[in-house]
Amino acid sequence: MNNKNQDALISESASENKRRRGRPTVFQRDRMECMESLCAANDYMTHRTHVAEYYRASVFGILEDHNDIPYLEEIFRIDGNACIQKGEIIEQLGRMHVQDGYDEDTIIYAATLAARFYHNGNTVKEIAAYLRRVRKAKSWDV
């Protein structure tokens, strides 16, 4: 192979302009470092798992304070040192609260709906998909 063809195969400018693989980050670098320091005990976690844990943790206080929601113990319950949760549902509630800025009353309403749906036989994936659609459409009529 001659020198001209080798230069065409390896181009620095082409590699520099390449898009990176994966999802783009939602958080700024300083917020990510803070988030990862909270989850420092779980160094084996991926970036995506850190983000999911951050969203779930953001609504723990709200759900603990309102444990009188009917059927909530089926999707979220803290027993001593153990936390029992349906992660995808709690993550969507956290995204509603942190990412989209929904207030606490709306989160309580969404948790009430999610608990009722789960008790009535809907799957975790169906409920998480519904909450995602509500979140993105900013309307309960989806």
C-alpha atoms as a PDB file:
ATOM      1  CA  MET A   1       0.000   0.000   0.000  1.00  0.00           C
ATOM      2  CA  ASN A   2       1.418   3.357  -0.873  1.00  0.00           C
ATOM      3  CA  ASN A   3       1.749   6.301   1.483  1.00  0.00           C
ATOM      4  CA  LYS A   4      -1.173   8.219  -0.056  1.00  0.00           C
ATOM      5  CA  ASN A   5      -3.692   5.437   0.672  1.00  0.00           C
ATOM      6  CA  GLN A   6      -2.470   5.066   4.247  1.00  0.00           C
ATOM      7  CA  ASP A   7      -3.022   8.775   4.873  1.00  0.00           C
ATOM      8  CA  ALA A   8      -6.568   8.479   3.530  1.00  0.00           C
ATOM      9  CA  LEU A   9      -7.365   5.601   5.888  1.00  0.00           C
ATOM     10  CA  ILE A  10      -6.100   7.322   9.040  1.00  0.00           C
ATOM     11  CA  SER A  11      -7.217  10.905   9.233  1.00  0.00           C
ATOM     12  CA  GLU A  12      -6.867  12.863  12.432  1.00  0.00           C
ATOM     13  CA  SER A  13      -9.463  15.396  11.426  1.00  0.00           C
ATOM     14  CA  ALA A  14     -12.014  12.678  10.716  1.00  0.00           C
ATOM     15  CA  SER A  15     -11.449  11.007  14.078  1.00  0.00           C
ATOM     16  CA  GLU A  16     -11.708  14.308  15.930  1.00  0.00           C
ATOM     17  CA  ASN A  17     -15.053  15.145  14.345  1.00  0.00           C
ATOM     18  CA  LYS A  18     -16.579  11.764  15.081  1.00  0.00           C
ATOM     19  CA  ARG A  19     -19.601  11.648  17.350  1.00  0.00           C
ATOM     20  CA  ARG A  20     -19.131   9.726  20.550  1.00  0.00           C
ATOM     21  CA  ARG A  21     -21.098   6.572  21.172  1.00  0.00           C
ATOM     22  CA  GLY A  22     -23.932   6.313  23.671  1.00  0.00           C
ATOM     23  CA  ARG A  23     -26.400   8.752  25.107  1.00  0.00           C
ATOM     24  CA  PRO A  24     -25.364  12.348  25.672  1.00  0.00           C
ATOM     25  CA  THR A  25     -25.082  13.363  29.319  1.00  0.00           C
ATOM     26  CA  VAL A  26     -27.879  15.279  31.008  1.00  0.00           C
ATOM     27  CA  PHE A  27     -25.798  16.623  33.883  1.00  0.00           C
ATOM     28  CA  GLN A  28     -22.878  19.016  34.035  1.00  0.00           C
ATOM     29  CA  ARG A  29     -19.506  17.598  35.109  1.00  0.00           C
ATOM     30  CA  ASP A  30     -19.580  19.047  38.661  1.00  0.00           C
ATOM     31  CA  ARG A  31     -23.040  17.631  39.320  1.00  0.00           C
ATOM     32  CA  MET A  32     -21.941  14.216  38.048  1.00  0.00           C
ATOM     33  CA  GLU A  33     -18.969  14.190  40.438  1.00  0.00           C
ATOM     34  CA  CYS A  34     -21.299  15.021  43.328  1.00  0.00           C
ATOM     35  CA  MET A  35     -23.715  12.298  42.251  1.00  0.00           C
ATOM     36  CA  GLU A  36     -20.959   9.695  41.979  1.00  0.00           C
ATOM     37  CA  SER A  37     -19.569  10.669  45.379  1.00  0.00           C
ATOM     38  CA  LEU A  38     -22.975   9.877  46.904  1.00  0.00           C
ATOM     39  CA  CYS A  39     -22.795   6.430  45.341  1.00  0.00           C
ATOM     40  CA  ALA A  40     -19.070   5.896  46.026  1.00  0.00           C
ATOM     41  CA  ALA A  41     -19.722   2.563  47.712  1.00  0.00           C
ATOM     42  CA  ASN A  42     -20.967   1.217  44.396  1.00  0.00           C
ATOM     43  CA  ASP A  43     -17.889   1.735  42.217  1.00  0.00           C
ATOM     44  CA  TYR A  44     -18.856  -1.193  40.014  1.00  0.00           C
ATOM     45  CA  MET A  45     -21.926   0.696  38.760  1.00  0.00           C
ATOM     46  CA  THR A  46     -22.099   2.164  35.296  1.00  0.00           C
ATOM     47  CA  HIS A  47     -22.764   5.833  34.616  1.00  0.00           C
ATOM     48  CA  ARG A  48     -26.349   5.030  33.685  1.00  0.00           C
ATOM     49  CA  THR A  49     -26.899   3.132  36.940  1.00  0.00           C
ATOM     50  CA  HIS A  50     -25.508   6.078  38.916  1.00  0.00           C
ATOM     51  CA  VAL A  51     -27.998   8.386  37.207  1.00  0.00           C
ATOM     52  CA  ALA A  52     -30.898   6.001  37.877  1.00  0.00           C
ATOM     53  CA  GLU A  53     -29.913   5.728  41.565  1.00  0.00           C
ATOM     54  CA  TYR A  54     -29.722   9.512  41.816  1.00  0.00           C
ATOM     55  CA  TYR A  55     -33.258   9.927  40.465  1.00  0.00           C
ATOM     56  CA  ARG A  56     -34.630   7.201  42.746  1.00  0.00           C
ATOM     57  CA  ALA A  57     -32.964   8.721  45.809  1.00  0.00           C
ATOM     58  CA  SER A  58     -34.397  12.146  45.008  1.00  0.00           C
ATOM     59  CA  VAL A  59     -37.953  11.035  45.846  1.00  0.00           C
ATOM     60  CA  PHE A  60     -37.264   8.748  48.831  1.00  0.00           C
ATOM     61  CA  GLY A  61     -38.048  11.535  51.314  1.00  0.00           C
ATOM     62  CA  ILE A  62     -41.326  12.429  49.615  1.00  0.00           C
ATOM     63  CA  LEU A  63     -42.464   8.810  49.505  1.00  0.00           C
ATOM     64  CA  GLU A  64     -41.406   8.158  53.117  1.00  0.00           C
ATOM     65  CA  ASP A  65     -43.349  11.195  54.326  1.00  0.00           C
ATOM     66  CA  HIS A  66     -46.477  10.059  52.480  1.00  0.00           C
ATOM     67  CA  ASN A  67     -46.478   6.362  53.296  1.00  0.00           C
ATOM     68  CA  ASP A  68     -50.249   6.545  53.829  1.00  0.00           C
ATOM     69  CA  ILE A  69     -50.819   6.377  50.052  1.00  0.00           C
ATOM     70  CA  PRO A  70     -52.960   3.304  49.366  1.00  0.00           C
ATOM     71  CA  TYR A  71     -50.976   0.328  48.000  1.00  0.00           C
ATOM     72  CA  LEU A  72     -47.691   2.293  48.101  1.00  0.00           C
ATOM     73  CA  GLU A  73     -46.006  -0.531  50.011  1.00  0.00           C
ATOM     74  CA  GLU A  74     -46.308  -2.659  46.852  1.00  0.00           C
ATOM     75  CA  ILE A  75     -43.993  -0.360  44.884  1.00  0.00           C
ATOM     76  CA  PHE A  76     -41.965   1.348  47.642  1.00  0.00           C
ATOM     77  CA  ARG A  77     -41.241   0.352  51.237  1.00  0.00           C
ATOM     78  CA  ILE A  78     -38.328   0.783  53.619  1.00  0.00           C
ATOM     79  CA  ASP A  79     -38.024  -2.001  56.197  1.00  0.00           C
ATOM     80  CA  GLY A  80     -35.200  -1.328  58.624  1.00  0.00           C
ATOM     81  CA  ASN A  81     -32.054  -1.439  56.490  1.00  0.00           C
ATOM     82  CA  ALA A  82     -33.726  -2.815  53.371  1.00  0.00           C
ATOM     83  CA  CYS A  83     -35.437  -0.747  50.719  1.00  0.00           C
ATOM     84  CA  ILE A  84     -38.003  -2.559  48.605  1.00  0.00           C
ATOM     85  CA  GLN A  85     -38.859  -0.685  45.441  1.00  0.00           C
ATOM     86  CA  LYS A  86     -39.940  -1.053  41.862  1.00  0.00           C
ATOM     87  CA  GLY A  87     -36.947   0.781  40.458  1.00  0.00           C
ATOM     88  CA  GLU A  88     -38.291   1.849  37.071  1.00  0.00           C
ATOM     89  CA  ILE A  89     -41.381   3.443  38.588  1.00  0.00           C
ATOM     90  CA  ILE A  90     -39.453   5.241  41.332  1.00  0.00           C
ATOM     91  CA  GLU A  91     -36.900   6.435  38.768  1.00  0.00           C
ATOM     92  CA  GLN A  92     -39.635   8.010  36.618  1.00  0.00           C
ATOM     93  CA  LEU A  93     -41.050   9.750  39.699  1.00  0.00           C
ATOM     94  CA  GLY A  94     -37.553  11.065  40.434  1.00  0.00           C
ATOM     95  CA  ARG A  95     -37.144  12.278  36.864  1.00  0.00           C
ATOM     96  CA  MET A  96     -40.476  14.083  37.156  1.00  0.00           C
ATOM     97  CA  HIS A  97     -39.277  15.790  40.321  1.00  0.00           C
ATOM     98  CA  VAL A  98     -35.628  16.609  39.474  1.00  0.00           C
ATOM     99  CA  GLN A  99     -35.422  16.812  35.709  1.00  0.00           C
ATOM    100  CA  ASP A 100     -38.838  18.208  34.848  1.00  0.00           C
ATOM    101  CA  GLY A 101     -39.474  20.263  37.982  1.00  0.00           C
ATOM    102  CA  TYR A 102     -42.837  18.834  39.040  1.00  0.00           C
ATOM    103  CA  ASP A 103     -43.819  19.860  42.561  1.00  0.00           C
ATOM    104  CA  GLU A 104     -44.272  17.519  45.519  1.00  0.00           C
ATOM    105  CA  ASP A 105     -48.085  17.363  45.188  1.00  0.00           C
ATOM    106  CA  THR A 106     -47.783  16.173  41.598  1.00  0.00           C
ATOM    107  CA  ILE A 107     -45.253  13.522  42.619  1.00  0.00           C
ATOM    108  CA  ILE A 108     -47.630  12.297  45.330  1.00  0.00           C
ATOM    109  CA  TYR A 109     -50.477  12.152  42.787  1.00  0.00           C
ATOM    110  CA  ALA A 110     -48.278  10.236  40.310  1.00  0.00           C
ATOM    111  CA  ALA A 111     -47.172   7.815  43.052  1.00  0.00           C
ATOM    112  CA  THR A 112     -50.813   7.265  44.016  1.00  0.00           C
ATOM    113  CA  LEU A 113     -51.705   6.458  40.406  1.00  0.00           C
ATOM    114  CA  ALA A 114     -48.691   4.180  40.008  1.00  0.00           C
ATOM    115  CA  ALA A 115     -49.477   2.269  43.203  1.00  0.00           C
ATOM    116  CA  ARG A 116     -53.104   1.854  42.185  1.00  0.00           C
ATOM    117  CA  PHE A 117     -52.133   0.688  38.665  1.00  0.00           C
ATOM    118  CA  TYR A 118     -49.669  -1.843  40.082  1.00  0.00           C
ATOM    119  CA  HIS A 119     -52.249  -3.156  42.546  1.00  0.00           C
ATOM    120  CA  ASN A 120     -54.758  -3.537  39.701  1.00  0.00           C
ATOM    121  CA  GLY A 121     -52.363  -5.761  37.739  1.00  0.00           C
ATOM    122  CA  ASN A 122     -50.412  -3.466  35.440  1.00  0.00           C
ATOM    123  CA  THR A 123     -46.747  -4.351  35.007  1.00  0.00           C
ATOM    124  CA  VAL A 124     -43.839  -2.190  36.129  1.00  0.00           C
ATOM    125  CA  LYS A 125     -42.857  -1.526  32.494  1.00  0.00           C
ATOM    126  CA  GLU A 126     -46.379  -0.398  31.586  1.00  0.00           C
ATOM    127  CA  ILE A 127     -46.525   1.994  34.542  1.00  0.00           C
ATOM    128  CA  ALA A 128     -43.026   3.381  33.859  1.00  0.00           C
ATOM    129  CA  ALA A 129     -43.944   3.909  30.196  1.00  0.00           C
ATOM    130  CA  TYR A 130     -47.138   5.739  31.217  1.00  0.00           C
ATOM    131  CA  LEU A 131     -45.229   8.002  33.622  1.00  0.00           C
ATOM    132  CA  ARG A 132     -42.627   8.659  30.911  1.00  0.00           C
ATOM    133  CA  ARG A 133     -45.364   9.701  28.459  1.00  0.00           C
ATOM    134  CA  VAL A 134     -46.953  11.961  31.103  1.00  0.00           C
ATOM    135  CA  ARG A 135     -43.581  13.475  31.846  1.00  0.00           C
ATOM    136  CA  LYS A 136     -42.732  14.197  28.231  1.00  0.00           C
ATOM    137  CA  ALA A 137     -46.201  15.407  27.219  1.00  0.00           C
ATOM    138  CA  LYS A 138     -46.624  17.405  30.452  1.00  0.00           C
ATOM    139  CA  SER A 139     -50.235  16.212  30.517  1.00  0.00           C
ATOM    140  CA  TRP A 140     -52.125  13.424  32.280  1.00  0.00           C
ATOM    141  CA  ASP A 141     -54.247  12.794  29.166  1.00  0.00           C
ATOM    142  CA  VAL A 142     -51.864  10.430  27.367  1.00  0.00           C
END
